[in-house]
Amino acid sequence: MTKRSSEGNQTNDQRHWQGHVNALGKSGLSRAEYCRQHNLSYHALGYWQKKLASSPRSNTTTLVPVNLPAALMRNSRQQNQAELQIILQGKMSVAVGDNFLPATLIRLLTVLENR
């Protein structure tokens, strides 16, 4: 088997198992029940769950800009008089009001650092 076709098979396998891992997560079923219903190896699905969870591709996060109406922004600023604003490279800003949860801010900063 050539290297090119071997790489193609690995990509197909990864796509196949990524589909099952995603479907398992949405199904609400246990891994054992999902495997029974789809005639899959319990251990193979577990292997791929771990492999795909640790792959750099599955840990990527995409931030999408959201445009809010000006009136909504004014109301939000009036409710949060004390703001902390974080500006990253002049492209992105995060405004934090008085009622923020520190754990949420930590999670957000962790995601932004890994971009």
Protein backbone atom coordinates (compact mmCIF):
# COMPACT_ATOMS: atom_id res chain seq x y z
CA MET A 1 0.00 0.00 0.00
CA THR A 2 1.39 3.42 -0.89
CA LYS A 3 1.84 6.17 1.67
CA ARG A 4 -0.77 8.32 -0.06
CA SER A 5 -3.53 5.69 0.10
CA SER A 6 -2.57 4.89 3.69
CA GLU A 7 -3.02 8.55 4.65
CA GLY A 8 -6.38 8.59 2.85
CA ASN A 9 -7.54 5.56 4.81
CA GLN A 10 -6.50 7.20 8.09
CA THR A 11 -8.49 10.31 7.18
CA ASN A 12 -11.52 8.21 6.26
CA ASP A 13 -11.22 6.25 9.51
CA GLN A 14 -10.95 9.46 11.50
CA ARG A 15 -14.02 10.95 9.78
CA HIS A 16 -15.96 7.72 10.30
CA TRP A 17 -15.17 7.56 14.00
CA GLN A 18 -15.57 11.32 14.53
CA GLY A 19 -19.11 10.93 13.21
CA HIS A 20 -19.81 8.14 15.69
CA VAL A 21 -18.20 10.03 18.59
CA ASN A 22 -20.35 13.08 17.79
CA ALA A 23 -23.50 10.99 17.39
CA LEU A 24 -22.82 9.19 20.68
CA GLY A 25 -22.54 12.52 22.47
CA LYS A 26 -25.87 13.70 21.06
CA SER A 27 -27.66 10.38 21.52
CA GLY A 28 -27.86 10.34 25.29
CA LEU A 29 -27.05 6.61 25.17
CA SER A 30 -24.30 4.87 27.05
CA ARG A 31 -21.32 3.87 24.94
CA ALA A 32 -22.28 0.20 25.35
CA GLU A 33 -25.85 0.77 24.15
CA TYR A 34 -24.72 2.98 21.26
CA CYS A 35 -22.24 0.30 20.16
CA ARG A 36 -24.92 -2.41 20.34
CA GLN A 37 -27.32 -0.35 18.23
CA HIS A 38 -24.67 0.49 15.61
CA ASN A 39 -22.82 -2.83 15.66
CA LEU A 40 -19.54 -1.20 16.76
CA SER A 41 -16.71 -2.40 18.95
CA TYR A 42 -17.04 -0.88 22.43
CA HIS A 43 -13.27 -0.70 22.83
CA ALA A 44 -12.67 0.77 19.36
CA LEU A 45 -15.16 3.55 20.04
CA GLY A 46 -13.49 4.25 23.39
CA TYR A 47 -10.10 4.38 21.68
CA TRP A 48 -11.36 6.89 19.11
CA GLN A 49 -13.09 9.00 21.77
CA LYS A 50 -9.75 9.41 23.55
CA LYS A 51 -7.75 9.85 20.35
CA LEU A 52 -10.05 12.52 18.92
CA ALA A 53 -10.40 14.35 22.24
CA SER A 54 -6.62 14.73 22.44
CA SER A 55 -6.06 15.70 18.80
CA PRO A 56 -5.28 19.40 18.25
CA ARG A 57 -7.98 19.60 15.60
CA SER A 58 -10.79 18.83 18.05
CA ASN A 59 -9.61 21.51 20.49
CA THR A 60 -9.87 24.41 18.09
CA THR A 61 -12.24 27.22 18.97
CA THR A 62 -13.64 29.68 16.49
CA LEU A 63 -14.74 33.10 17.64
CA VAL A 64 -17.44 34.74 15.57
CA PRO A 65 -18.13 38.49 15.71
CA VAL A 66 -21.69 39.39 16.63
CA ASN A 67 -23.12 42.80 15.79
CA LEU A 68 -25.56 44.07 18.39
CA PRO A 69 -27.97 46.96 17.87
CA ALA A 70 -26.68 50.26 19.34
CA ALA A 71 -29.68 50.54 21.71
CA LEU A 72 -28.91 47.16 23.22
CA MET A 73 -25.28 48.15 23.72
CA ARG A 74 -26.34 51.41 25.47
CA ASN A 75 -28.69 49.50 27.80
CA SER A 76 -25.97 46.99 28.60
CA ARG A 77 -23.47 49.73 29.47
CA GLN A 78 -25.99 51.50 31.68
CA GLN A 79 -26.62 48.31 33.66
CA ASN A 80 -22.88 47.60 34.06
CA GLN A 81 -21.49 50.94 35.19
CA ALA A 82 -18.12 49.53 36.28
CA GLU A 83 -16.50 47.80 33.34
CA LEU A 84 -13.22 46.08 32.78
CA GLN A 85 -12.30 46.00 29.12
CA ILE A 86 -9.67 43.71 27.64
CA ILE A 87 -8.45 44.57 24.13
CA LEU A 88 -6.47 41.94 22.22
CA GLN A 89 -4.26 43.17 19.39
CA GLY A 90 -6.77 45.90 18.58
CA LYS A 91 -9.04 43.30 16.97
CA MET A 92 -11.12 42.02 19.82
CA SER A 93 -12.38 43.35 23.09
CA VAL A 94 -14.05 41.77 26.10
CA ALA A 95 -16.06 43.95 28.47
CA VAL A 96 -16.75 42.67 31.96
CA GLY A 97 -19.34 44.25 34.26
CA ASP A 98 -19.77 44.13 38.03
CA ASN A 99 -21.80 40.91 38.05
CA PHE A 100 -19.38 38.65 36.19
CA LEU A 101 -18.47 35.17 37.41
CA PRO A 102 -14.70 34.83 37.89
CA ALA A 103 -14.77 31.22 36.67
CA THR A 104 -16.36 32.33 33.40
CA LEU A 105 -13.70 35.01 32.89
CA ILE A 106 -10.95 32.46 33.56
CA ARG A 107 -12.46 30.05 30.99
CA LEU A 108 -12.75 32.86 28.43
CA LEU A 109 -9.15 33.96 28.94
CA THR A 110 -7.94 30.36 28.64
CA VAL A 111 -9.74 29.98 25.30
CA LEU A 112 -8.35 33.27 24.02
CA GLU A 113 -4.80 32.38 25.07
CA ASN A 114 -4.97 29.12 23.13
CA ARG A 115 -6.05 30.81 19.90
